[in-house]
Amino acid sequence: MAVALVTLTAATTPPDTETRAAADPAAVVREWNAVATDTIKAALGPRPSGQGAIWEGFVSVAVYNAVVGIEGGYTLYQWHERGPAKASSAAAAATAAHDVLLTYFPAFKERLDTAYANSLAALPAGRARDLGVDYGKRAAARVVELREGDGRFADVPFTAAPAPGVWRPTPPAFQPFIDTWLARLRPLVLASPQQFRPGGPPALSSAAYAADLQELKAMGAKTGSGRNTQQTETALFYSGNLVDQVQTAVRDHAARHRLGIAQTARLFAAVNASATDAVITAWDAKLHYASWRPITAIRLADTDGNPATTADPGWEPLLVTPPHPDYVAGHTTVAAAVARALTGVLGTSRIDLHVPSDVTGTTRFYGSADDFNQDVVDARVWGGVHSRTADTAGRRAGTRVAAWALDHYFQPVPGGRTAGGRSS
């Protein structure tokens, strides 16, 4: 995978020059979030993993430091180096994002350099811009330094032998457990990957396990299910790249609410750092508990020792099962972390979020964080790829991750100037 990141040559989407108005410096943060998302998506391709959230987190905390180190108002992330008060925070933001992305995705240099040149050209030339560029470079270098030796791409073997309840590769591709290193990656904000590891899934012999399986057989089947049209659309709506969906929705929210540059940088940092550690938390649980997926559980129900379950060897889910264990669900862990980060930063449960789906070509409005979370939980059950228990446990874990993150990072500072983060 490390080689792939160096050799891929797909292009990122060039930034929209119309968004880079001097009167709206926050547009630079939104613009570089879009550049980051395009770069990550092009590099990873249709990889059924939470890996994209990791890179979004790295970029977002670098941009956050570059902005609030100049603008003030919030604690720096694991850094104590303030920027010059007269520096351009927009130049610093663009530089930090560019340099972090170039470090991890060097194959995209030409397009990243072009986007960066366009960003700087839209800002007034002079000492403020130069100071911003210099500080942005230092902000990026700090994050890159912090992430050295963090466990990326480490060889983390999955050694559990197939047995009732234990994960094994699933049809149609029978891929091995993907990106196991995410389970051991050093978090951005948490103390360890295990910090919010949930208790285990229900025993195979339990009524709760049987209830999960019965719901999946009825509501998650590819054909002959009990889903109505709206439920099927919900499953499809959240069958794509949730991390990309979130980025687009947060950009839209920040633009419509005219958040300032420091507020925008903080919103992205809180959301994406929480999502990063939500992925790590989910993968830790997946590796630790190694729970088999619904397609395996239903087809081999005659081996689970539960008299309330019945095997269906030909059962297929609506969606293709991703190549990693059931418990806990990555989608719901990340969604809950995003929702909790949003409500924490915004100070209200009314999130005002327009979430798009490339799969269905539609957009859904969420006024409530609870409604957003519930849709993602239901979607993974109705898609036939996760038990409801795995979904709800992921939702609880993701909520705890983001609540802890906001208690310890990205905090407002009285008086308007930044202070170093407590973990530096």
Protein backbone atom coordinates (compact mmCIF):
# COMPACT_ATOMS: atom_id res chain seq x y z
CA MET A 1 0.00 0.00 0.00
CA ALA A 2 2.87 2.36 0.77
CA VAL A 3 4.19 1.79 -2.74
CA ALA A 4 0.76 2.43 -4.18
CA LEU A 5 0.57 5.81 -2.49
CA VAL A 6 3.82 6.81 -4.16
CA THR A 7 3.04 5.55 -7.64
CA LEU A 8 -0.59 6.50 -8.19
CA THR A 9 -0.98 9.35 -10.66
CA ALA A 10 -4.70 10.14 -10.72
CA ALA A 11 -5.42 13.85 -10.65
CA THR A 12 -7.12 15.84 -7.95
CA THR A 13 -9.87 18.26 -8.80
CA PRO A 14 -8.47 21.77 -9.29
CA PRO A 15 -9.84 24.30 -6.82
CA ASP A 16 -12.58 26.67 -7.86
CA THR A 17 -10.91 30.06 -8.14
CA GLU A 18 -14.22 31.80 -7.50
CA THR A 19 -14.27 30.51 -3.91
CA ARG A 20 -10.98 32.17 -3.03
CA ALA A 21 -12.17 35.68 -2.40
CA ALA A 22 -10.02 37.84 -0.17
CA ALA A 23 -13.18 38.80 1.72
CA ASP A 24 -13.69 35.15 2.69
CA PRO A 25 -10.38 33.72 3.92
CA ALA A 26 -12.26 30.71 5.34
CA ALA A 27 -12.83 29.61 1.73
CA VAL A 28 -9.19 28.53 1.64
CA VAL A 29 -9.82 26.01 4.41
CA ARG A 30 -12.86 24.62 2.62
CA GLU A 31 -11.01 24.58 -0.69
CA TRP A 32 -8.09 22.61 0.71
CA ASN A 33 -10.41 20.18 2.43
CA ALA A 34 -11.84 19.48 -1.04
CA VAL A 35 -8.34 19.11 -2.51
CA ALA A 36 -7.41 16.74 0.31
CA THR A 37 -10.54 14.67 -0.20
CA ASP A 38 -9.98 14.39 -3.94
CA THR A 39 -6.34 13.44 -3.43
CA ILE A 40 -7.11 10.79 -0.83
CA LYS A 41 -9.96 9.35 -2.88
CA ALA A 42 -7.82 9.14 -6.01
CA ALA A 43 -4.95 7.51 -4.11
CA LEU A 44 -6.99 4.92 -2.25
CA GLY A 45 -9.54 4.15 -4.94
CA PRO A 46 -12.58 2.07 -3.95
CA ARG A 47 -10.82 0.69 -0.87
CA PRO A 48 -13.42 -0.66 1.61
CA SER A 49 -11.58 0.66 4.64
CA GLY A 50 -11.66 3.60 7.02
CA GLN A 51 -8.16 4.60 5.96
CA GLY A 52 -9.34 7.80 4.28
CA ALA A 53 -10.29 9.27 7.65
CA ILE A 54 -6.68 8.98 8.81
CA TRP A 55 -5.31 11.26 6.11
CA GLU A 56 -8.19 13.73 6.51
CA GLY A 57 -7.32 13.93 10.18
CA PHE A 58 -3.64 14.63 9.53
CA VAL A 59 -4.41 17.44 7.10
CA SER A 60 -7.11 18.97 9.27
CA VAL A 61 -5.03 19.25 12.44
CA ALA A 62 -2.15 20.80 10.48
CA VAL A 63 -4.49 23.39 8.96
CA TYR A 64 -6.03 24.01 12.36
CA ASN A 65 -2.63 24.76 13.93
CA ALA A 66 -1.64 26.96 11.00
CA VAL A 67 -4.80 29.04 11.38
CA VAL A 68 -5.35 29.29 15.14
CA GLY A 69 -1.66 29.84 15.76
CA ILE A 70 -2.15 33.17 13.96
CA GLU A 71 -5.80 34.00 14.57
CA GLY A 72 -5.94 32.82 18.18
CA GLY A 73 -9.07 31.76 19.99
CA TYR A 74 -8.33 28.04 20.47
CA THR A 75 -5.63 25.80 21.92
CA LEU A 76 -3.04 24.53 19.49
CA TYR A 77 -2.89 20.80 18.77
CA GLN A 78 0.23 19.37 20.47
CA TRP A 79 2.29 22.46 19.66
CA HIS A 80 3.37 25.65 21.42
CA GLU A 81 4.69 27.73 18.53
CA ARG A 82 2.49 30.72 17.84
CA GLY A 83 2.53 32.48 14.50
CA PRO A 84 3.15 36.16 13.79
CA ALA A 85 0.02 38.18 14.51
CA LYS A 86 0.29 39.95 11.14
CA ALA A 87 0.74 36.79 9.11
CA SER A 88 -1.91 35.66 6.61
CA SER A 89 -3.77 32.73 8.14
CA ALA A 90 -5.19 31.88 4.71
CA ALA A 91 -1.66 31.50 3.30
CA ALA A 92 -0.70 29.44 6.33
CA ALA A 93 -3.73 27.15 5.88
CA ALA A 94 -3.05 26.51 2.20
CA THR A 95 0.63 25.87 2.87
CA ALA A 96 0.00 23.46 5.74
CA ALA A 97 -2.52 21.43 3.74
CA HIS A 98 -0.31 21.37 0.65
CA ASP A 99 2.79 20.27 2.52
CA VAL A 100 1.07 17.49 4.49
CA LEU A 101 -0.59 16.13 1.35
CA LEU A 102 2.66 16.33 -0.62
CA THR A 103 4.50 14.45 2.12
CA TYR A 104 2.08 11.52 2.08
CA PHE A 105 0.99 11.62 -1.58
CA PRO A 106 4.07 12.69 -3.58
CA ALA A 107 2.69 11.21 -6.81
CA PHE A 108 0.19 14.09 -6.86
CA LYS A 109 2.84 16.80 -6.73
CA GLU A 110 1.95 18.53 -10.01
CA ARG A 111 -1.72 18.95 -9.19
CA LEU A 112 -1.08 19.87 -5.56
CA ASP A 113 1.49 22.47 -6.60
CA THR A 114 -0.95 23.95 -9.12
CA ALA A 115 -3.71 24.20 -6.55
CA TYR A 116 -1.29 25.78 -4.10
CA ALA A 117 -0.08 28.35 -6.63
CA ASN A 118 -3.69 29.28 -7.34
CA SER A 119 -4.42 29.70 -3.64
CA LEU A 120 -1.46 31.99 -3.09
CA ALA A 121 -2.18 33.98 -6.25
CA ALA A 122 -5.62 34.83 -4.88
CA LEU A 123 -4.06 36.41 -1.78
CA PRO A 124 -2.34 39.82 -1.68
CA ALA A 125 1.39 39.50 -2.18
CA GLY A 126 3.61 40.88 0.53
CA ARG A 127 5.00 40.30 4.00
CA ALA A 128 1.73 38.96 5.49
CA ARG A 129 1.49 36.24 2.87
CA ASP A 130 5.19 35.37 3.20
CA LEU A 131 4.89 35.10 6.99
CA GLY A 132 1.81 32.92 6.57
CA VAL A 133 3.61 30.60 4.17
CA ASP A 134 6.52 30.21 6.57
CA TYR A 135 4.26 29.46 9.52
CA GLY A 136 2.16 27.04 7.49
CA LYS A 137 5.28 25.10 6.58
CA ARG A 138 6.19 24.80 10.24
CA ALA A 139 2.67 23.70 11.13
CA ALA A 140 2.81 20.95 8.52
CA ALA A 141 6.27 19.86 9.59
CA ARG A 142 5.07 19.61 13.19
CA VAL A 143 2.26 17.21 12.30
CA VAL A 144 4.52 15.12 10.07
CA GLU A 145 7.02 14.93 12.93
CA LEU A 146 4.30 13.92 15.39
CA ARG A 147 3.20 11.06 13.13
CA GLU A 148 6.63 9.50 12.68
CA GLY A 149 6.67 5.89 13.78
CA ASP A 150 2.92 5.84 14.41
CA GLY A 151 2.37 2.33 13.05
CA ARG A 152 1.14 3.14 9.55
CA PHE A 153 1.30 0.10 7.26
CA ALA A 154 2.76 -2.07 10.02
CA ASP A 155 2.46 -5.83 9.61
CA VAL A 156 -0.39 -6.69 11.97
CA PRO A 157 -1.39 -10.31 11.34
CA PHE A 158 -4.88 -11.70 11.74
CA THR A 159 -4.36 -15.17 13.13
CA ALA A 160 -7.77 -16.32 14.36
CA ALA A 161 -8.68 -19.74 12.96
CA PRO A 162 -12.13 -20.20 11.40
CA ALA A 163 -14.68 -21.38 13.96
CA PRO A 164 -18.31 -20.63 14.79
CA GLY A 165 -18.59 -16.89 15.41
CA VAL A 166 -15.10 -16.12 14.07
CA TRP A 167 -14.55 -13.92 11.01
CA ARG A 168 -13.29 -15.39 7.79
CA PRO A 169 -13.12 -13.95 4.21
CA THR A 170 -16.53 -13.47 2.65
CA PRO A 171 -17.92 -13.84 -0.88
CA PRO A 172 -17.72 -12.83 -3.61
CA ALA A 173 -14.05 -11.78 -3.50
CA PHE A 174 -12.96 -13.61 -0.31
CA GLN A 175 -10.46 -10.83 0.48
CA PRO A 176 -8.30 -11.04 3.62
CA PHE A 177 -8.87 -8.68 6.55
CA ILE A 178 -7.96 -5.29 5.08
CA ASP A 179 -5.72 -2.67 6.73
CA THR A 180 -5.28 -4.50 10.04
CA TRP A 181 -2.65 -1.89 10.95
CA LEU A 182 -5.45 0.58 11.65
CA ALA A 183 -6.15 -1.37 14.85
CA ARG A 184 -2.69 -0.53 16.20
CA LEU A 185 -2.21 2.97 14.77
CA ARG A 186 -1.28 5.62 17.32
CA PRO A 187 -4.40 7.81 17.69
CA LEU A 188 -4.51 11.54 17.06
CA VAL A 189 -6.24 12.44 20.31
CA LEU A 190 -6.89 9.28 22.34
CA ALA A 191 -4.30 7.72 24.59
CA SER A 192 -4.48 4.31 22.89
CA PRO A 193 -6.54 2.36 20.34
CA GLN A 194 -8.10 0.39 23.21
CA GLN A 195 -9.22 3.42 25.23
CA PHE A 196 -12.89 3.09 24.27
CA ARG A 197 -12.96 -0.55 23.23
CA PRO A 198 -16.54 -1.71 23.87
CA GLY A 199 -17.50 -4.92 25.63
CA GLY A 200 -17.84 -7.96 23.44
CA PRO A 201 -20.71 -8.98 21.16
CA PRO A 202 -23.51 -11.22 22.47
CA ALA A 203 -22.77 -14.91 22.85
CA LEU A 204 -23.78 -17.13 19.94
CA SER A 205 -26.18 -18.97 22.23
CA SER A 206 -27.97 -15.79 23.36
CA ALA A 207 -31.41 -14.48 22.47
CA ALA A 208 -29.82 -11.16 21.46
CA TYR A 209 -27.64 -12.90 18.89
CA ALA A 210 -30.61 -14.78 17.46
CA ALA A 211 -32.63 -11.57 17.24
CA ASP A 212 -29.83 -9.88 15.31
CA LEU A 213 -29.67 -12.77 12.86
CA GLN A 214 -33.42 -12.91 12.36
CA GLU A 215 -33.56 -9.19 11.59
CA LEU A 216 -30.70 -9.47 9.12
CA LYS A 217 -32.25 -12.44 7.31
CA ALA A 218 -35.54 -10.58 6.93
CA MET A 219 -34.37 -7.02 6.31
CA GLY A 220 -30.85 -7.30 4.86
CA ALA A 221 -31.38 -9.84 2.12
CA LYS A 222 -30.56 -9.01 -1.47
CA THR A 223 -33.85 -10.49 -2.68
CA GLY A 224 -37.12 -11.24 -0.93
CA SER A 225 -36.47 -8.89 1.97
CA GLY A 226 -39.00 -7.08 4.12
CA ARG A 227 -37.53 -3.67 3.27
CA ASN A 228 -39.70 -0.97 1.79
CA THR A 229 -38.43 1.37 -0.92
CA GLN A 230 -37.28 4.03 1.53
CA GLN A 231 -35.34 1.51 3.61
CA THR A 232 -33.58 0.16 0.54
CA GLU A 233 -32.69 3.70 -0.53
CA THR A 234 -31.27 4.36 2.95
CA ALA A 235 -29.08 1.27 2.72
CA LEU A 236 -27.79 2.34 -0.68
CA PHE A 237 -27.38 5.98 0.40
CA TYR A 238 -24.80 4.97 3.03
CA SER A 239 -23.14 2.22 1.01
CA GLY A 240 -20.38 4.45 -0.36
CA ASN A 241 -17.55 6.45 1.17
CA LEU A 242 -18.90 7.95 4.39
CA VAL A 243 -15.75 10.01 4.98
CA ASP A 244 -16.22 11.77 1.62
CA GLN A 245 -19.90 12.36 2.37
CA VAL A 246 -18.99 14.01 5.67
CA GLN A 247 -16.37 16.32 4.12
CA THR A 248 -18.84 17.64 1.55
CA ALA A 249 -21.52 18.15 4.19
CA VAL A 250 -19.20 20.00 6.58
CA ARG A 251 -17.88 22.25 3.81
CA ASP A 252 -21.45 23.14 2.90
CA HIS A 253 -22.37 23.82 6.53
CA ALA A 254 -19.35 26.06 7.11
CA ALA A 255 -20.01 28.04 3.92
CA ARG A 256 -23.74 28.51 4.52
CA HIS A 257 -23.20 29.62 8.10
CA ARG A 258 -20.34 31.90 7.07
CA LEU A 259 -17.98 30.55 9.69
CA GLY A 260 -14.74 32.47 10.04
CA ILE A 261 -11.41 30.94 9.17
CA ALA A 262 -10.56 29.89 12.74
CA GLN A 263 -14.06 28.49 13.31
CA THR A 264 -13.91 26.58 10.04
CA ALA A 265 -10.48 25.15 10.77
CA ARG A 266 -11.62 24.11 14.24
CA LEU A 267 -14.76 22.44 12.90
CA PHE A 268 -12.80 20.34 10.40
CA ALA A 269 -10.12 19.47 12.97
CA ALA A 270 -12.66 18.35 15.57
CA VAL A 271 -14.68 16.33 13.06
CA ASN A 272 -11.73 14.69 11.32
CA ALA A 273 -9.55 14.03 14.35
CA SER A 274 -12.56 12.39 15.99
CA ALA A 275 -13.26 10.38 12.82
CA THR A 276 -9.62 9.29 12.67
CA ASP A 277 -9.71 7.89 16.18
CA ALA A 278 -13.17 6.44 15.61
CA VAL A 279 -11.70 4.36 12.78
CA ILE A 280 -8.83 3.25 15.00
CA THR A 281 -11.29 2.35 17.78
CA ALA A 282 -13.48 0.37 15.38
CA TRP A 283 -10.54 -1.52 13.86
CA ASP A 284 -9.19 -2.32 17.32
CA ALA A 285 -12.52 -3.93 18.20
CA LYS A 286 -12.70 -5.74 14.86
CA LEU A 287 -9.25 -7.24 15.35
CA HIS A 288 -9.84 -8.04 19.02
CA TYR A 289 -13.27 -9.67 18.78
CA ALA A 290 -13.01 -11.01 15.19
CA SER A 291 -16.78 -11.48 14.82
CA TRP A 292 -18.06 -13.16 11.70
CA ARG A 293 -20.13 -11.19 9.24
CA PRO A 294 -23.87 -11.70 8.67
CA ILE A 295 -23.36 -13.56 5.41
CA THR A 296 -21.22 -16.15 7.21
CA ALA A 297 -23.40 -16.26 10.31
CA ILE A 298 -26.60 -16.86 8.35
CA ARG A 299 -25.13 -19.43 5.97
CA LEU A 300 -23.52 -21.35 8.85
CA ALA A 301 -26.23 -20.86 11.46
CA ASP A 302 -26.46 -24.63 11.90
CA THR A 303 -23.00 -24.49 13.55
CA ASP A 304 -23.67 -21.71 16.09
CA GLY A 305 -25.33 -23.90 18.73
CA ASN A 306 -28.34 -21.59 18.98
CA PRO A 307 -31.70 -23.39 18.55
CA ALA A 308 -33.38 -20.10 17.57
CA THR A 309 -31.31 -19.68 14.38
CA THR A 310 -31.71 -21.51 11.08
CA ALA A 311 -29.09 -21.77 8.34
CA ASP A 312 -29.72 -20.43 4.85
CA PRO A 313 -26.74 -21.52 2.71
CA GLY A 314 -27.80 -19.37 -0.25
CA TRP A 315 -28.47 -16.11 1.62
CA GLU A 316 -26.95 -12.95 0.15
CA PRO A 317 -26.91 -9.40 1.54
CA LEU A 318 -28.13 -6.37 -0.40
CA LEU A 319 -24.60 -4.90 -0.31
CA VAL A 320 -21.23 -6.51 -0.86
CA THR A 321 -19.71 -7.29 2.53
CA PRO A 322 -16.50 -5.32 3.26
CA PRO A 323 -13.41 -7.40 4.10
CA HIS A 324 -13.22 -6.97 7.86
CA PRO A 325 -15.15 -8.27 10.89
CA ASP A 326 -18.65 -7.29 11.98
CA TYR A 327 -18.10 -5.97 15.50
CA VAL A 328 -17.98 -2.99 15.69
CA ALA A 329 -19.31 -1.26 12.61
CA GLY A 330 -16.90 1.29 11.17
CA HIS A 331 -19.64 3.34 9.50
CA THR A 332 -21.61 3.90 12.69
CA THR A 333 -18.52 4.51 14.82
CA VAL A 334 -17.34 7.24 12.45
CA ALA A 335 -20.81 8.73 11.96
CA ALA A 336 -21.35 8.99 15.71
CA ALA A 337 -17.95 10.59 16.23
CA VAL A 338 -18.69 13.13 13.50
CA ALA A 339 -22.13 13.89 14.94
CA ARG A 340 -20.77 14.34 18.47
CA ALA A 341 -17.93 16.54 17.24
CA LEU A 342 -20.41 18.70 15.33
CA THR A 343 -22.76 19.12 18.28
CA GLY A 344 -19.83 19.83 20.59
CA VAL A 345 -18.33 22.52 18.37
CA LEU A 346 -21.67 24.04 17.39
CA GLY A 347 -23.06 23.88 20.92
CA THR A 348 -26.37 22.38 19.81
CA SER A 349 -27.84 19.04 18.73
CA ARG A 350 -29.25 20.83 15.66
CA ILE A 351 -26.52 20.09 13.15
CA ASP A 352 -28.10 21.52 9.95
CA LEU A 353 -26.29 19.08 7.68
CA HIS A 354 -26.90 18.34 3.99
CA VAL A 355 -25.34 14.93 3.29
CA PRO A 356 -24.93 13.83 -0.36
CA SER A 357 -24.60 10.30 -1.75
CA ASP A 358 -22.78 9.49 -4.97
CA VAL A 359 -24.47 6.08 -4.96
CA THR A 360 -28.07 7.33 -5.03
CA GLY A 361 -27.40 10.79 -6.48
CA THR A 362 -29.51 12.34 -3.72
CA THR A 363 -28.92 14.61 -0.72
CA ARG A 364 -30.46 14.23 2.72
CA PHE A 365 -31.01 17.01 5.24
CA TYR A 366 -30.37 16.35 8.92
CA GLY A 367 -31.45 18.85 11.50
CA SER A 368 -30.80 16.39 14.30
CA ALA A 369 -27.63 14.47 15.13
CA ASP A 370 -29.78 11.61 16.40
CA ASP A 371 -31.56 11.31 13.06
CA PHE A 372 -28.24 11.17 11.22
CA ASN A 373 -26.92 8.45 13.53
CA GLN A 374 -30.11 6.43 13.30
CA ASP A 375 -30.06 6.42 9.50
CA VAL A 376 -26.49 5.13 9.42
CA VAL A 377 -27.27 2.42 11.99
CA ASP A 378 -30.35 1.28 10.05
CA ALA A 379 -28.58 1.50 6.70
CA ARG A 380 -25.93 -1.06 7.62
CA VAL A 381 -28.55 -3.51 8.91
CA TRP A 382 -30.79 -3.04 5.88
CA GLY A 383 -27.76 -3.47 3.65
CA GLY A 384 -27.19 -6.86 5.27
CA VAL A 385 -23.57 -6.16 6.20
CA HIS A 386 -23.75 -5.49 9.97
CA SER A 387 -25.72 -6.74 12.92
CA ARG A 388 -27.68 -4.11 14.81
CA THR A 389 -25.60 -4.86 17.88
CA ALA A 390 -22.39 -4.06 15.98
CA ASP A 391 -23.99 -0.84 14.73
CA THR A 392 -25.23 0.40 18.10
CA ALA A 393 -22.00 -0.54 19.89
CA GLY A 394 -20.10 1.42 17.25
CA ARG A 395 -22.40 4.38 17.73
CA ARG A 396 -21.73 4.43 21.46
CA ALA A 397 -17.97 4.10 20.98
CA GLY A 398 -17.79 6.87 18.37
CA THR A 399 -19.75 9.21 20.61
CA ARG A 400 -17.33 8.59 23.47
CA VAL A 401 -14.31 9.15 21.23
CA ALA A 402 -15.49 12.59 20.06
CA ALA A 403 -16.67 13.68 23.51
CA TRP A 404 -13.24 12.88 24.91
CA ALA A 405 -11.50 14.62 22.02
CA LEU A 406 -13.41 17.85 22.61
CA ASP A 407 -12.76 17.70 26.34
CA HIS A 408 -9.01 17.60 25.71
CA TYR A 409 -8.38 19.39 22.40
CA PHE A 410 -9.57 22.27 20.22
CA GLN A 411 -10.71 24.22 23.27
CA PRO A 412 -11.58 27.96 23.23
CA VAL A 413 -9.06 30.24 24.90
CA PRO A 414 -10.27 33.30 26.83
CA GLY A 415 -8.76 36.47 25.46
CA GLY A 416 -8.38 35.33 21.88
CA ARG A 417 -4.76 34.15 21.61
CA THR A 418 -3.77 30.51 21.32
CA ALA A 419 -2.10 28.39 23.95
CA GLY A 420 -0.26 25.13 23.47
CA GLY A 421 -2.22 21.89 23.51
CA ARG A 422 -2.00 19.92 26.72
CA SER A 423 -0.44 16.88 25.05
CA SER A 424 2.60 18.65 23.60
